[in-house]
Amino acid sequence: NTSDGVLFWLDLPLTSTL
């Protein structure tokens, strides 16, 4: 997962919703 703001939120749903 990337913690680059938007990219972070785009990758989060893959593991956990919100």
PDB file of N, CA and C in Angstrom:
ATOM      1  N   ASN A   1       0.834  -1.223   0.000  1.00  0.00           N
ATOM      2  CA  ASN A   1       0.000   0.000   0.000  1.00  0.00           C
ATOM      3  C   ASN A   1       0.863   1.266   0.000  1.00  0.00           C
ATOM      4  N   THR A   2       0.353   2.285  -0.660  1.00  0.00           N
ATOM      5  CA  THR A   2       1.094   3.545  -0.724  1.00  0.00           C
ATOM      6  C   THR A   2       0.446   4.590   0.166  1.00  0.00           C
ATOM      7  N   SER A   3       1.246   5.370   0.832  1.00  0.00           N
ATOM      8  CA  SER A   3       0.696   6.412   1.716  1.00  0.00           C
ATOM      9  C   SER A   3       0.950   7.776   1.087  1.00  0.00           C
ATOM     10  N   ASP A   4       0.439   7.933  -0.138  1.00  0.00           N
ATOM     11  CA  ASP A   4       0.666   9.168  -0.883  1.00  0.00           C
ATOM     12  C   ASP A   4      -0.649   9.916  -1.057  1.00  0.00           C
ATOM     13  N   GLY A   5      -1.373  10.058   0.077  1.00  0.00           N
ATOM     14  CA  GLY A   5      -2.632  10.788   0.024  1.00  0.00           C
ATOM     15  C   GLY A   5      -3.714  10.051  -0.741  1.00  0.00           C
ATOM     16  N   VAL A   6      -3.938  10.446  -1.981  1.00  0.00           N
ATOM     17  CA  VAL A   6      -4.988   9.859  -2.813  1.00  0.00           C
ATOM     18  C   VAL A   6      -4.688   8.389  -3.113  1.00  0.00           C
ATOM     19  N   LEU A   7      -3.448   8.102  -3.469  1.00  0.00           N
ATOM     20  CA  LEU A   7      -3.058   6.736  -3.786  1.00  0.00           C
ATOM     21  C   LEU A   7      -3.260   5.816  -2.595  1.00  0.00           C
ATOM     22  N   PHE A   8      -3.167   6.408  -1.402  1.00  0.00           N
ATOM     23  CA  PHE A   8      -3.371   5.653  -0.174  1.00  0.00           C
ATOM     24  C   PHE A   8      -4.818   5.207  -0.056  1.00  0.00           C
ATOM     25  N   TRP A   9      -5.731   6.110  -0.373  1.00  0.00           N
ATOM     26  CA  TRP A   9      -7.164   5.821  -0.277  1.00  0.00           C
ATOM     27  C   TRP A   9      -7.623   4.920  -1.421  1.00  0.00           C
ATOM     28  N   LEU A  10      -6.857   4.936  -2.519  1.00  0.00           N
ATOM     29  CA  LEU A  10      -7.224   4.093  -3.657  1.00  0.00           C
ATOM     30  C   LEU A  10      -6.835   2.640  -3.393  1.00  0.00           C
ATOM     31  N   ASP A  11      -5.867   2.458  -2.494  1.00  0.00           N
ATOM     32  CA  ASP A  11      -5.352   1.137  -2.209  1.00  0.00           C
ATOM     33  C   ASP A  11      -5.973   0.556  -0.950  1.00  0.00           C
ATOM     34  N   LEU A  12      -6.524   1.428  -0.102  1.00  0.00           N
ATOM     35  CA  LEU A  12      -7.156   0.983   1.137  1.00  0.00           C
ATOM     36  C   LEU A  12      -8.342   0.040   0.924  1.00  0.00           C
ATOM     37  N   PRO A  13      -9.295   0.405   0.032  1.00  0.00           N
ATOM     38  CA  PRO A  13     -10.476  -0.433  -0.202  1.00  0.00           C
ATOM     39  C   PRO A  13     -10.113  -1.877  -0.548  1.00  0.00           C
ATOM     40  N   LEU A  14      -8.926  -2.099  -1.065  1.00  0.00           N
ATOM     41  CA  LEU A  14      -8.505  -3.447  -1.428  1.00  0.00           C
ATOM     42  C   LEU A  14      -8.349  -4.320  -0.192  1.00  0.00           C
ATOM     43  N   THR A  15      -8.047  -3.676   0.935  1.00  0.00           N
ATOM     44  CA  THR A  15      -7.846  -4.410   2.184  1.00  0.00           C
ATOM     45  C   THR A  15      -8.981  -4.173   3.161  1.00  0.00           C
ATOM     46  N   SER A  16      -9.379  -2.918   3.299  1.00  0.00           N
ATOM     47  CA  SER A  16     -10.470  -2.594   4.217  1.00  0.00           C
ATOM     48  C   SER A  16     -11.285  -1.416   3.694  1.00  0.00           C
ATOM     49  N   THR A  17     -12.592  -1.518   3.764  1.00  0.00           N
ATOM     50  CA  THR A  17     -13.459  -0.450   3.291  1.00  0.00           C
ATOM     51  C   THR A  17     -13.464   0.715   4.267  1.00  0.00           C
ATOM     52  N   LEU A  18     -13.134   1.912   3.745  1.00  0.00           N
ATOM     53  CA  LEU A  18     -12.989   3.106   4.572  1.00  0.00           C
ATOM     54  C   LEU A  18     -11.912   2.883   5.624  1.00  0.00           C
TER      55      LEU A  18
END
